[in-house]
């Protein structure tokens, strides 16, 4: 009996948590939309610098 009740409890707890996750308002999309125009030069420069740093040195 305990196993049945505990499995039902876990099942409904997972369903409840999933519903909470689905219903939450995602601020990341708004943040990304607003901040991309301001921060894209920094991010692109960081990516280019990182790509140059990890490239193997070529001996001449």
PDB file of N, CA and C in Angstrom:
ATOM      1  N   UNK A   1       0.826  -1.197   0.000  1.00  0.00           N
ATOM      2  CA  UNK A   1       0.000   0.000   0.000  1.00  0.00           C
ATOM      3  C   UNK A   1       0.866   1.254   0.000  1.00  0.00           C
ATOM      4  N   UNK A   2       1.933   1.224   0.801  1.00  0.00           N
ATOM      5  CA  UNK A   2       2.823   2.384   0.878  1.00  0.00           C
ATOM      6  C   UNK A   2       3.479   2.662  -0.469  1.00  0.00           C
ATOM      7  N   UNK A   3       3.895   1.589  -1.160  1.00  0.00           N
ATOM      8  CA  UNK A   3       4.545   1.758  -2.461  1.00  0.00           C
ATOM      9  C   UNK A   3       3.599   2.377  -3.485  1.00  0.00           C
ATOM     10  N   UNK A   4       2.359   1.958  -3.454  1.00  0.00           N
ATOM     11  CA  UNK A   4       1.377   2.510  -4.395  1.00  0.00           C
ATOM     12  C   UNK A   4       1.154   3.988  -4.114  1.00  0.00           C
ATOM     13  N   UNK A   5       0.984   4.327  -2.847  1.00  0.00           N
ATOM     14  CA  UNK A   5       0.761   5.727  -2.495  1.00  0.00           C
ATOM     15  C   UNK A   5       1.975   6.591  -2.812  1.00  0.00           C
ATOM     16  N   UNK A   6       3.162   6.073  -2.526  1.00  0.00           N
ATOM     17  CA  UNK A   6       4.355   6.871  -2.794  1.00  0.00           C
ATOM     18  C   UNK A   6       4.567   7.060  -4.295  1.00  0.00           C
ATOM     19  N   UNK A   7       4.268   6.040  -5.097  1.00  0.00           N
ATOM     20  CA  UNK A   7       4.427   6.193  -6.546  1.00  0.00           C
ATOM     21  C   UNK A   7       3.392   7.169  -7.101  1.00  0.00           C
ATOM     22  N   UNK A   8       2.167   7.129  -6.571  1.00  0.00           N
ATOM     23  CA  UNK A   8       1.156   8.101  -6.995  1.00  0.00           C
ATOM     24  C   UNK A   8       1.560   9.517  -6.606  1.00  0.00           C
ATOM     25  N   UNK A   9       2.087   9.662  -5.394  1.00  0.00           N
ATOM     26  CA  UNK A   9       2.529  10.971  -4.931  1.00  0.00           C
ATOM     27  C   UNK A   9       3.625  11.523  -5.842  1.00  0.00           C
ATOM     28  N   UNK A  10       4.604  10.673  -6.180  1.00  0.00           N
ATOM     29  CA  UNK A  10       5.693  11.112  -7.056  1.00  0.00           C
ATOM     30  C   UNK A  10       5.164  11.476  -8.439  1.00  0.00           C
ATOM     31  N   UNK A  11       4.227  10.683  -8.937  1.00  0.00           N
ATOM     32  CA  UNK A  11       3.659  10.947 -10.260  1.00  0.00           C
ATOM     33  C   UNK A  11       2.982  12.316 -10.291  1.00  0.00           C
ATOM     34  N   UNK A  12       2.146  12.594  -9.297  1.00  0.00           N
ATOM     35  CA  UNK A  12       1.436  13.866  -9.283  1.00  0.00           C
ATOM     36  C   UNK A  12       2.365  15.026  -8.952  1.00  0.00           C
ATOM     37  N   UNK A  13       3.384  14.768  -8.173  1.00  0.00           N
ATOM     38  CA  UNK A  13       4.350  15.819  -7.869  1.00  0.00           C
ATOM     39  C   UNK A  13       5.098  16.220  -9.141  1.00  0.00           C
ATOM     40  N   UNK A  14       5.481  15.237  -9.942  1.00  0.00           N
ATOM     41  CA  UNK A  14       6.165  15.528 -11.203  1.00  0.00           C
ATOM     42  C   UNK A  14       5.230  16.282 -12.145  1.00  0.00           C
ATOM     43  N   UNK A  15       3.974  15.851 -12.231  1.00  0.00           N
ATOM     44  CA  UNK A  15       3.003  16.538 -13.088  1.00  0.00           C
ATOM     45  C   UNK A  15       2.807  17.983 -12.632  1.00  0.00           C
ATOM     46  N   UNK A  16       2.708  18.203 -11.319  1.00  0.00           N
ATOM     47  CA  UNK A  16       2.516  19.543 -10.784  1.00  0.00           C
ATOM     48  C   UNK A  16       3.726  20.417 -11.093  1.00  0.00           C
ATOM     49  N   UNK A  17       4.928  19.876 -10.886  1.00  0.00           N
ATOM     50  CA  UNK A  17       6.138  20.643 -11.170  1.00  0.00           C
ATOM     51  C   UNK A  17       6.244  20.964 -12.655  1.00  0.00           C
ATOM     52  N   UNK A  18       5.870  20.027 -13.508  1.00  0.00           N
ATOM     53  CA  UNK A  18       5.923  20.271 -14.949  1.00  0.00           C
ATOM     54  C   UNK A  18       4.943  21.370 -15.336  1.00  0.00           C
ATOM     55  N   UNK A  19       3.774  21.372 -14.705  1.00  0.00           N
ATOM     56  CA  UNK A  19       2.787  22.408 -14.996  1.00  0.00           C
ATOM     57  C   UNK A  19       3.308  23.770 -14.551  1.00  0.00           C
ATOM     58  N   UNK A  20       3.984  23.821 -13.415  1.00  0.00           N
ATOM     59  CA  UNK A  20       4.571  25.081 -12.964  1.00  0.00           C
ATOM     60  C   UNK A  20       5.623  25.570 -13.945  1.00  0.00           C
ATOM     61  N   UNK A  21       6.440  24.666 -14.439  1.00  0.00           N
ATOM     62  CA  UNK A  21       7.484  25.055 -15.385  1.00  0.00           C
ATOM     63  C   UNK A  21       6.860  25.549 -16.685  1.00  0.00           C
ATOM     64  N   UNK A  22       5.827  24.890 -17.155  1.00  0.00           N
ATOM     65  CA  UNK A  22       5.188  25.281 -18.410  1.00  0.00           C
ATOM     66  C   UNK A  22       4.486  26.633 -18.298  1.00  0.00           C
ATOM     67  N   UNK A  23       3.978  26.953 -17.122  1.00  0.00           N
ATOM     68  CA  UNK A  23       3.206  28.176 -16.956  1.00  0.00           C
ATOM     69  C   UNK A  23       4.041  29.378 -16.538  1.00  0.00           C
ATOM     70  N   UNK A  24       5.326  29.191 -16.288  1.00  0.00           N
ATOM     71  CA  UNK A  24       6.133  30.326 -15.866  1.00  0.00           C
ATOM     72  C   UNK A  24       6.432  31.223 -17.050  1.00  0.00           C
ATOM     73  N   UNK A  25       6.580  32.499 -16.756  1.00  0.00           N
ATOM     74  CA  UNK A  25       6.874  33.494 -17.778  1.00  0.00           C
ATOM     75  C   UNK A  25       8.375  33.558 -17.968  1.00  0.00           C
ATOM     76  N   UNK A  26       8.843  33.376 -19.179  1.00  0.00           N
ATOM     77  CA  UNK A  26      10.272  33.319 -19.452  1.00  0.00           C
ATOM     78  C   UNK A  26      10.799  34.713 -19.778  1.00  0.00           C
ATOM     79  N   UNK A  27      11.546  35.278 -18.848  1.00  0.00           N
ATOM     80  CA  UNK A  27      12.121  36.601 -19.061  1.00  0.00           C
ATOM     81  C   UNK A  27      13.338  36.563 -19.965  1.00  0.00           C
ATOM     82  N   UNK A  28      13.917  35.383 -20.164  1.00  0.00           N
ATOM     83  CA  UNK A  28      15.140  35.288 -20.961  1.00  0.00           C
ATOM     84  C   UNK A  28      14.922  35.815 -22.380  1.00  0.00           C
ATOM     85  N   UNK A  29      13.754  35.544 -22.972  1.00  0.00           N
ATOM     86  CA  UNK A  29      13.494  36.000 -24.334  1.00  0.00           C
ATOM     87  C   UNK A  29      13.476  37.516 -24.418  1.00  0.00           C
ATOM     88  N   UNK A  30      12.869  38.167 -23.447  1.00  0.00           N
ATOM     89  CA  UNK A  30      12.826  39.632 -23.426  1.00  0.00           C
ATOM     90  C   UNK A  30      14.214  40.191 -23.170  1.00  0.00           C
ATOM     91  N   UNK A  31      14.931  39.602 -22.225  1.00  0.00           N
ATOM     92  CA  UNK A  31      16.286  40.058 -21.925  1.00  0.00           C
ATOM     93  C   UNK A  31      17.178  39.929 -23.153  1.00  0.00           C
ATOM     94  N   UNK A  32      17.104  38.786 -23.828  1.00  0.00           N
ATOM     95  CA  UNK A  32      17.943  38.566 -25.005  1.00  0.00           C
ATOM     96  C   UNK A  32      17.603  39.567 -26.095  1.00  0.00           C
ATOM     97  N   UNK A  33      16.330  39.822 -26.316  1.00  0.00           N
ATOM     98  CA  UNK A  33      15.905  40.760 -27.356  1.00  0.00           C
ATOM     99  C   UNK A  33      16.403  42.173 -27.057  1.00  0.00           C
ATOM    100  N   UNK A  34      16.332  42.592 -25.818  1.00  0.00           N
ATOM    101  CA  UNK A  34      16.752  43.955 -25.457  1.00  0.00           C
ATOM    102  C   UNK A  34      18.261  44.118 -25.432  1.00  0.00           C
ATOM    103  N   UNK A  35      18.950  43.117 -24.938  1.00  0.00           N
ATOM    104  CA  UNK A  35      20.388  43.254 -24.720  1.00  0.00           C
ATOM    105  C   UNK A  35      21.231  42.894 -25.934  1.00  0.00           C
ATOM    106  N   UNK A  36      20.686  42.176 -26.893  1.00  0.00           N
ATOM    107  CA  UNK A  36      21.495  41.736 -28.033  1.00  0.00           C
ATOM    108  C   UNK A  36      22.036  42.930 -28.807  1.00  0.00           C
ATOM    109  N   UNK A  37      21.207  43.952 -29.039  1.00  0.00           N
ATOM    110  CA  UNK A  37      21.654  45.101 -29.831  1.00  0.00           C
ATOM    111  C   UNK A  37      22.769  45.865 -29.128  1.00  0.00           C
ATOM    112  N   UNK A  38      22.807  45.784 -27.821  1.00  0.00           N
ATOM    113  CA  UNK A  38      23.838  46.485 -27.065  1.00  0.00           C
ATOM    114  C   UNK A  38      25.115  45.671 -26.919  1.00  0.00           C
ATOM    115  N   UNK A  39      24.988  44.360 -26.821  1.00  0.00           N
ATOM    116  CA  UNK A  39      26.134  43.520 -26.462  1.00  0.00           C
ATOM    117  C   UNK A  39      26.717  42.703 -27.598  1.00  0.00           C
ATOM    118  N   UNK A  40      26.134  42.762 -28.801  1.00  0.00           N
ATOM    119  CA  UNK A  40      26.640  41.883 -29.852  1.00  0.00           C
ATOM    120  C   UNK A  40      28.086  42.179 -30.232  1.00  0.00           C
ATOM    121  N   UNK A  41      28.572  43.428 -30.252  1.00  0.00           N
ATOM    122  CA  UNK A  41      29.987  43.621 -30.607  1.00  0.00           C
ATOM    123  C   UNK A  41      30.936  42.947 -29.616  1.00  0.00           C
ATOM    124  N   UNK A  42      30.603  43.027 -28.342  1.00  0.00           N
ATOM    125  CA  UNK A  42      31.430  42.382 -27.325  1.00  0.00           C
ATOM    126  C   UNK A  42      31.432  40.870 -27.510  1.00  0.00           C
ATOM    127  N   UNK A  43      30.264  40.287 -27.742  1.00  0.00           N
ATOM    128  CA  UNK A  43      30.170  38.839 -27.888  1.00  0.00           C
ATOM    129  C   UNK A  43      30.882  38.347 -29.143  1.00  0.00           C
ATOM    130  N   UNK A  44      30.741  39.077 -30.244  1.00  0.00           N
ATOM    131  CA  UNK A  44      31.414  38.683 -31.483  1.00  0.00           C
ATOM    132  C   UNK A  44      32.919  38.825 -31.323  1.00  0.00           C
ATOM    133  N   UNK A  45      33.371  39.911 -30.705  1.00  0.00           N
ATOM    134  CA  UNK A  45      34.805  40.091 -30.469  1.00  0.00           C
ATOM    135  C   UNK A  45      35.373  39.008 -29.572  1.00  0.00           C
ATOM    136  N   UNK A  46      34.624  38.638 -28.565  1.00  0.00           N
ATOM    137  CA  UNK A  46      35.063  37.570 -27.668  1.00  0.00           C
ATOM    138  C   UNK A  46      35.184  36.248 -28.421  1.00  0.00           C
ATOM    139  N   UNK A  47      34.220  35.966 -29.299  1.00  0.00           N
ATOM    140  CA  UNK A  47      34.253  34.721 -30.075  1.00  0.00           C
ATOM    141  C   UNK A  47      35.430  34.707 -31.043  1.00  0.00           C
ATOM    142  N   UNK A  48      35.688  35.832 -31.708  1.00  0.00           N
ATOM    143  CA  UNK A  48      36.801  35.899 -32.663  1.00  0.00           C
ATOM    144  C   UNK A  48      38.127  35.766 -31.936  1.00  0.00           C
ATOM    145  N   UNK A  49      38.273  36.460 -30.813  1.00  0.00           N
ATOM    146  CA  UNK A  49      39.514  36.369 -30.040  1.00  0.00           C
ATOM    147  C   UNK A  49      39.737  34.943 -29.546  1.00  0.00           C
ATOM    148  N   UNK A  50      38.696  34.308 -29.065  1.00  0.00           N
ATOM    149  CA  UNK A  50      38.820  32.931 -28.601  1.00  0.00           C
ATOM    150  C   UNK A  50      39.187  31.981 -29.723  1.00  0.00           C
ATOM    151  N   UNK A  51      38.597  32.192 -30.904  1.00  0.00           N
ATOM    152  CA  UNK A  51      38.919  31.326 -32.043  1.00  0.00           C
ATOM    153  C   UNK A  51      40.370  31.502 -32.465  1.00  0.00           C
ATOM    154  N   UNK A  52      40.868  32.734 -32.427  1.00  0.00           N
ATOM    155  CA  UNK A  52      42.273  32.977 -32.782  1.00  0.00           C
ATOM    156  C   UNK A  52      43.214  32.369 -31.754  1.00  0.00           C
ATOM    157  N   UNK A  53      42.831  32.416 -30.502  1.00  0.00           N
ATOM    158  CA  UNK A  53      43.690  31.891 -29.434  1.00  0.00           C
ATOM    159  C   UNK A  53      43.840  30.380 -29.507  1.00  0.00           C
ATOM    160  N   UNK A  54      42.771  29.684 -29.872  1.00  0.00           N
ATOM    161  CA  UNK A  54      42.842  28.225 -29.846  1.00  0.00           C
ATOM    162  C   UNK A  54      43.362  27.634 -31.146  1.00  0.00           C
ATOM    163  N   UNK A  55      43.544  28.465 -32.172  1.00  0.00           N
ATOM    164  CA  UNK A  55      44.110  27.948 -33.421  1.00  0.00           C
ATOM    165  C   UNK A  55      45.563  27.565 -33.198  1.00  0.00           C
ATOM    166  N   UNK A  56      45.990  26.470 -33.799  1.00  0.00           N
ATOM    167  CA  UNK A  56      47.396  26.074 -33.635  1.00  0.00           C
ATOM    168  C   UNK A  56      48.321  27.045 -34.362  1.00  0.00           C
ATOM    169  N   UNK A  57      49.471  27.268 -33.777  1.00  0.00           N
ATOM    170  CA  UNK A  57      50.462  28.158 -34.384  1.00  0.00           C
ATOM    171  C   UNK A  57      51.102  27.449 -35.577  1.00  0.00           C
ATOM    172  N   UNK A  58      51.269  28.173 -36.678  1.00  0.00           N
ATOM    173  CA  UNK A  58      51.879  27.610 -37.877  1.00  0.00           C
ATOM    174  C   UNK A  58      53.302  28.147 -37.971  1.00  0.00           C
ATOM    175  N   UNK A  59      54.283  27.231 -38.025  1.00  0.00           N
ATOM    176  CA  UNK A  59      55.681  27.643 -38.166  1.00  0.00           C
ATOM    177  C   UNK A  59      55.956  27.987 -39.622  1.00  0.00           C
ATOM    178  N   UNK A  60      56.690  29.081 -39.825  1.00  0.00           N
ATOM    179  CA  UNK A  60      57.011  29.492 -41.198  1.00  0.00           C
ATOM    180  C   UNK A  60      58.379  29.050 -41.577  1.00  0.00           C
TER     181      UNK A  60
END
